Amino acid sequence: MNPEITAFKTMFDYRLEPEVYSFHLLEELIKAAEREGVSNFPIHIKIDTGMHRLGFAPNEIPQLVQRLQKQSAVIPRSVFSHLVGSDAERFDAFTRHQIETFEAASTTLQEGFKHKIIRHICNTAGIERYPGAQFDMVRLGIGLYGVDPFTNKMLHNVTTLKTTILQIHEVPADETVGYSRKGVLTRDSRIAAIPIGYADGLNRHLGNGHAYCLVNGQKAPYVGNICMDVCMIDVTDIDCKEGDKAIIFGDDLPVTVLSDILETIPYEILTSVSNRVKRVYYQD
């Protein structure tokens, strides 16, 4: 990933191969490697083909080749770039430009060395839409979670966030639920409390009926404001009891449903699940 200068010694000790995206970082890495007596340490060269986030400019590659040839502390293991809009047809021309730019720049880098330098640029969407740009390897990102950028069901969901019902209250009409009395009941209701809140990564904007979870396969809208550790859901029309499961997202409630409601991307939903939420891994 993106290394910090203070972490170089740890990278050498544990053979963690960094990405290198600037001459400043490269020089600092070379100096650190030489101090530690390290040679031919693998690095991964990042090229900026249009993201304008991190990376060497394509016209800097000849200078980069010359600098790498004059030292023996590090050696390029791979070269890569990042597509900015491979999931959208409206960016197809720009994506093709990125691929062409990367191919030319990476070829220049490869010509400076006898060993094979691995090339990769495709993300999840790029794998599907640009098979001719898969080069030596690809980087499956959001697809690892079974989230398909095109919702054409080529991938299977592998991630579920779930909890259980703590308590169910019978609450009469015109009563309110939660902080600031935001959840106003228009009928006699069964309100369930579930132990998940914004400290767990459940976005507060999903509250007040903007979204729902699933209880026994049925939609249970969030009622009132989502609290830090608990939230309330309406289970009036659902046959359920305390201890039953509530699915926040999963096979029957894709994470994309929540990201669409929040006008964001699935990545934000998935990475917002906090460390205090227990992870259980299944292996086939």
Protein backbone atom coordinates (compact mmCIF):
# COMPACT_ATOMS: atom_id res chain seq x y z
CA MET A 1 0.00 0.00 0.00
CA ASN A 2 1.12 3.59 0.56
CA PRO A 3 4.21 3.39 2.80
CA GLU A 4 5.36 5.94 5.34
CA ILE A 5 9.04 6.73 5.62
CA THR A 6 8.98 5.79 9.30
CA ALA A 7 7.78 2.29 8.38
CA PHE A 8 10.61 1.33 6.00
CA LYS A 9 12.51 -0.73 8.60
CA THR A 10 9.37 -2.73 9.39
CA MET A 11 8.78 -3.35 5.68
CA PHE A 12 12.30 -4.68 5.25
CA ASP A 13 12.02 -6.91 8.32
CA TYR A 14 8.72 -8.46 7.22
CA ARG A 15 9.31 -8.36 3.46
CA LEU A 16 6.35 -6.06 2.87
CA GLU A 17 6.61 -4.77 -0.67
CA PRO A 18 5.61 -1.08 -1.01
CA GLU A 19 4.10 0.84 -3.86
CA VAL A 20 6.31 3.73 -4.98
CA TYR A 21 4.63 6.72 -6.57
CA SER A 22 7.14 9.61 -6.46
CA PHE A 23 10.84 10.35 -6.77
CA HIS A 24 10.90 11.69 -3.20
CA LEU A 25 9.55 8.43 -1.83
CA LEU A 26 11.89 6.42 -4.05
CA GLU A 27 14.98 8.30 -2.87
CA GLU A 28 14.04 7.91 0.77
CA LEU A 29 13.40 4.20 0.27
CA ILE A 30 16.72 3.68 -1.50
CA LYS A 31 18.61 5.49 1.28
CA ALA A 32 16.86 3.43 3.95
CA ALA A 33 17.56 0.17 2.13
CA GLU A 34 21.23 1.03 1.71
CA ARG A 35 21.52 1.87 5.42
CA GLU A 36 20.03 -1.52 6.30
CA GLY A 37 22.20 -3.38 3.81
CA VAL A 38 19.15 -4.40 1.77
CA SER A 39 19.46 -5.08 -1.95
CA ASN A 40 17.02 -5.91 -4.74
CA PHE A 41 14.04 -5.19 -2.50
CA PRO A 42 10.83 -5.56 -4.58
CA ILE A 43 8.80 -2.40 -5.17
CA HIS A 44 5.64 -1.70 -7.15
CA ILE A 45 5.58 1.34 -9.41
CA LYS A 46 2.38 3.39 -9.59
CA ILE A 47 1.66 5.45 -12.71
CA ASP A 48 -0.86 8.27 -12.76
CA THR A 49 -2.87 7.82 -15.96
CA GLY A 50 -5.70 10.18 -15.03
CA MET A 51 -6.79 9.68 -11.43
CA HIS A 52 -4.42 12.46 -10.32
CA ARG A 53 -4.17 11.00 -6.85
CA LEU A 54 -0.79 9.27 -6.59
CA GLY A 55 1.71 8.08 -9.16
CA PHE A 56 4.54 8.95 -11.51
CA ALA A 57 3.51 10.98 -14.54
CA PRO A 58 3.91 9.01 -17.78
CA ASN A 59 6.57 11.44 -19.01
CA GLU A 60 8.62 10.73 -15.86
CA ILE A 61 9.08 7.05 -16.65
CA PRO A 62 12.31 7.43 -18.70
CA GLN A 63 13.88 9.36 -15.79
CA LEU A 64 12.58 6.72 -13.38
CA VAL A 65 14.17 3.94 -15.43
CA GLN A 66 17.51 5.72 -15.37
CA ARG A 67 17.39 6.21 -11.61
CA LEU A 68 16.46 2.60 -10.95
CA GLN A 69 19.27 1.36 -13.19
CA LYS A 70 21.86 3.32 -11.18
CA GLN A 71 21.18 1.59 -7.87
CA SER A 72 20.77 -1.94 -6.52
CA ALA A 73 18.76 -1.38 -3.35
CA VAL A 74 15.32 -1.83 -4.94
CA ILE A 75 13.98 -3.54 -8.03
CA PRO A 76 10.60 -3.06 -9.76
CA ARG A 77 8.40 -6.12 -9.25
CA SER A 78 5.24 -4.71 -10.84
CA VAL A 79 3.82 -1.57 -12.42
CA PHE A 80 0.20 -0.52 -12.17
CA SER A 81 -2.34 2.25 -12.49
CA HIS A 82 -5.97 2.83 -11.51
CA LEU A 83 -9.01 3.23 -13.75
CA VAL A 84 -11.27 6.09 -12.71
CA GLY A 85 -14.51 5.25 -14.51
CA SER A 86 -14.42 1.72 -15.87
CA ASP A 87 -17.93 1.06 -14.58
CA ALA A 88 -19.56 3.83 -16.67
CA GLU A 89 -20.07 3.87 -20.43
CA ARG A 90 -19.86 7.66 -20.49
CA PHE A 91 -16.19 7.37 -19.49
CA ASP A 92 -15.29 4.69 -22.04
CA ALA A 93 -13.16 7.01 -24.17
CA PHE A 94 -11.22 8.17 -21.13
CA THR A 95 -10.81 4.60 -19.87
CA ARG A 96 -9.36 3.54 -23.22
CA HIS A 97 -7.02 6.55 -23.04
CA GLN A 98 -5.89 5.44 -19.58
CA ILE A 99 -5.23 1.90 -20.78
CA GLU A 100 -3.26 3.11 -23.79
CA THR A 101 -1.25 5.52 -21.64
CA PHE A 102 -0.49 2.76 -19.15
CA GLU A 103 0.52 0.31 -21.85
CA ALA A 104 2.98 2.79 -23.35
CA ALA A 105 4.46 3.87 -20.00
CA SER A 106 4.76 0.34 -18.64
CA THR A 107 6.41 -0.79 -21.87
CA THR A 108 9.01 1.95 -21.44
CA LEU A 109 9.67 0.73 -17.90
CA GLN A 110 9.93 -2.91 -18.98
CA GLU A 111 12.41 -2.09 -21.74
CA GLY A 112 14.84 -0.87 -19.11
CA PHE A 113 15.09 -4.24 -17.37
CA LYS A 114 15.76 -7.85 -18.31
CA HIS A 115 13.46 -9.41 -15.71
CA LYS A 116 9.69 -9.60 -16.18
CA ILE A 117 7.78 -6.70 -14.58
CA ILE A 118 4.15 -7.62 -13.85
CA ARG A 119 1.54 -5.20 -15.22
CA HIS A 120 -2.00 -4.60 -13.92
CA ILE A 121 -4.66 -1.91 -14.21
CA CYS A 122 -8.13 -3.54 -14.08
CA ASN A 123 -10.43 -3.23 -11.07
CA THR A 124 -13.67 -5.20 -10.64
CA ALA A 125 -15.55 -3.29 -13.33
CA GLY A 126 -12.54 -3.27 -15.63
CA ILE A 127 -12.20 -7.04 -15.44
CA GLU A 128 -15.66 -7.45 -16.92
CA ARG A 129 -15.75 -4.55 -19.36
CA TYR A 130 -12.15 -4.49 -20.60
CA PRO A 131 -10.93 -8.09 -20.92
CA GLY A 132 -8.22 -6.95 -23.32
CA ALA A 133 -6.66 -4.82 -20.57
CA GLN A 134 -6.12 -7.59 -18.03
CA PHE A 135 -2.37 -7.71 -18.77
CA ASP A 136 -0.62 -10.03 -16.26
CA MET A 137 -3.04 -9.80 -13.34
CA VAL A 138 -6.13 -7.95 -12.13
CA ARG A 139 -7.27 -6.42 -8.85
CA LEU A 140 -10.66 -7.64 -7.70
CA GLY A 141 -11.79 -5.07 -5.12
CA ILE A 142 -15.50 -4.68 -4.36
CA GLY A 143 -16.04 -7.94 -6.26
CA LEU A 144 -14.39 -9.82 -3.38
CA TYR A 145 -17.53 -9.08 -1.38
CA GLY A 146 -19.75 -10.33 -4.19
CA VAL A 147 -20.84 -6.82 -5.16
CA ASP A 148 -21.28 -6.60 -8.92
CA PRO A 149 -20.94 -3.04 -10.31
CA PHE A 150 -23.53 -3.86 -12.97
CA THR A 151 -26.01 -5.83 -10.84
CA ASN A 152 -26.14 -8.55 -13.48
CA LYS A 153 -25.74 -11.27 -10.84
CA MET A 154 -22.42 -12.58 -12.13
CA LEU A 155 -21.12 -12.50 -8.56
CA HIS A 156 -22.56 -14.02 -5.39
CA ASN A 157 -22.81 -12.05 -2.16
CA VAL A 158 -20.46 -13.27 0.57
CA THR A 159 -21.11 -10.66 3.27
CA THR A 160 -23.94 -10.46 5.79
CA LEU A 161 -24.40 -8.05 8.69
CA LYS A 162 -26.96 -9.30 11.17
CA THR A 163 -28.06 -8.92 14.76
CA THR A 164 -30.90 -10.10 17.03
CA ILE A 165 -34.01 -8.58 18.55
CA LEU A 166 -33.42 -7.55 22.17
CA GLN A 167 -36.91 -6.51 23.18
CA ILE A 168 -40.34 -5.89 21.65
CA HIS A 169 -42.65 -3.15 22.98
CA GLU A 170 -46.34 -2.66 22.32
CA VAL A 171 -46.54 1.10 21.75
CA PRO A 172 -49.86 2.93 21.18
CA ALA A 173 -50.55 5.35 18.34
CA ASP A 174 -49.39 8.96 18.75
CA GLU A 175 -46.52 7.91 21.02
CA THR A 176 -42.96 8.66 19.88
CA VAL A 177 -39.89 6.48 19.57
CA GLY A 178 -36.26 7.44 20.14
CA TYR A 179 -34.29 10.63 20.66
CA SER A 180 -35.87 14.00 19.87
CA ARG A 181 -39.22 12.19 19.58
CA LYS A 182 -38.57 11.80 15.87
CA GLY A 183 -40.40 8.50 15.47
CA VAL A 184 -44.09 9.43 15.63
CA LEU A 185 -46.40 6.40 15.49
CA THR A 186 -49.54 6.67 13.40
CA ARG A 187 -50.98 3.38 14.68
CA ASP A 188 -50.68 0.97 17.56
CA SER A 189 -47.33 -0.66 16.87
CA ARG A 190 -44.91 -3.38 17.86
CA ILE A 191 -41.48 -1.78 18.13
CA ALA A 192 -38.39 -3.96 18.38
CA ALA A 193 -35.02 -2.82 19.69
CA ILE A 194 -31.93 -4.33 18.04
CA PRO A 195 -28.35 -3.94 19.33
CA ILE A 196 -26.74 -2.06 16.47
CA GLY A 197 -26.22 1.66 16.05
CA TYR A 198 -24.06 4.29 14.46
CA ALA A 199 -21.06 3.26 16.59
CA ASP A 200 -21.26 -0.08 14.76
CA GLY A 201 -21.43 1.60 11.37
CA LEU A 202 -25.19 1.83 10.86
CA ASN A 203 -25.59 5.23 9.23
CA ARG A 204 -27.93 7.61 11.08
CA HIS A 205 -29.42 8.78 7.78
CA LEU A 206 -31.09 5.37 7.44
CA GLY A 207 -33.33 6.13 10.40
CA ASN A 208 -36.81 7.64 10.49
CA GLY A 209 -38.18 5.24 7.90
CA HIS A 210 -35.58 5.95 5.23
CA ALA A 211 -34.50 2.32 5.16
CA TYR A 212 -35.28 -1.07 6.64
CA CYS A 213 -33.74 -4.32 7.78
CA LEU A 214 -35.18 -7.80 7.29
CA VAL A 215 -36.82 -9.80 10.06
CA ASN A 216 -37.90 -13.29 9.08
CA GLY A 217 -37.65 -12.23 5.45
CA GLN A 218 -39.92 -9.19 5.83
CA LYS A 219 -39.09 -5.49 5.75
CA ALA A 220 -38.86 -3.83 9.16
CA PRO A 221 -38.40 -0.04 8.78
CA TYR A 222 -36.12 1.85 11.14
CA VAL A 223 -38.21 4.00 13.50
CA GLY A 224 -36.91 7.28 14.90
CA ASN A 225 -33.29 8.27 15.14
CA ILE A 226 -30.68 5.54 15.10
CA CYS A 227 -28.87 5.59 18.46
CA MET A 228 -25.22 4.91 19.19
CA ASP A 229 -25.61 1.28 20.23
CA VAL A 230 -29.25 0.42 19.54
CA CYS A 231 -31.94 1.23 17.03
CA MET A 232 -35.65 0.57 16.83
CA ILE A 233 -37.58 -1.11 14.03
CA ASP A 234 -41.29 -1.52 13.27
CA VAL A 235 -42.31 -5.19 13.40
CA THR A 236 -46.06 -4.59 13.70
CA ASP A 237 -46.87 -6.71 10.65
CA ILE A 238 -44.16 -9.32 11.19
CA ASP A 239 -44.50 -12.58 13.09
CA CYS A 240 -41.39 -12.43 15.26
CA LYS A 241 -40.14 -12.70 18.82
CA GLU A 242 -37.24 -11.57 20.95
CA GLY A 243 -34.08 -13.37 19.87
CA ASP A 244 -35.05 -13.52 16.18
CA LYS A 245 -32.47 -12.39 13.63
CA ALA A 246 -32.48 -8.98 11.94
CA ILE A 247 -30.54 -8.75 8.68
CA ILE A 248 -28.98 -5.32 8.10
CA PHE A 249 -27.62 -6.37 4.71
CA GLY A 250 -27.02 -9.74 3.08
CA ASP A 251 -28.26 -12.06 0.35
CA ASP A 252 -31.85 -10.78 0.33
CA LEU A 253 -31.00 -7.18 1.19
CA PRO A 254 -27.95 -6.24 -0.91
CA VAL A 255 -25.59 -3.62 0.43
CA THR A 256 -26.28 -1.69 -2.78
CA VAL A 257 -29.83 -1.02 -1.55
CA LEU A 258 -28.40 0.90 1.40
CA SER A 259 -25.76 2.68 -0.66
CA ASP A 260 -28.42 3.80 -3.14
CA ILE A 261 -30.56 5.21 -0.31
CA LEU A 262 -27.54 7.05 1.08
CA GLU A 263 -26.43 8.16 -2.40
CA THR A 264 -22.99 6.69 -1.85
CA ILE A 265 -21.03 3.59 -2.87
CA PRO A 266 -21.10 0.07 -1.37
CA TYR A 267 -17.49 0.49 -0.25
CA GLU A 268 -18.53 3.14 2.27
CA ILE A 269 -21.17 0.87 3.79
CA LEU A 270 -18.80 -2.08 4.09
CA THR A 271 -15.82 -0.15 5.43
CA SER A 272 -18.00 1.69 7.94
CA VAL A 273 -18.74 -1.49 9.89
CA SER A 274 -16.71 -0.82 13.03
CA ASN A 275 -14.12 -3.03 14.68
CA ARG A 276 -16.39 -3.85 17.59
CA VAL A 277 -18.70 -5.82 15.30
CA LYS A 278 -17.81 -9.50 15.53
CA ARG A 279 -16.54 -11.06 12.30
CA VAL A 280 -17.28 -14.70 11.53
CA TYR A 281 -15.56 -16.28 8.52
CA TYR A 282 -16.84 -19.33 6.68
CA GLN A 283 -14.67 -21.51 4.47
CA ASP A 284 -15.95 -23.79 1.74
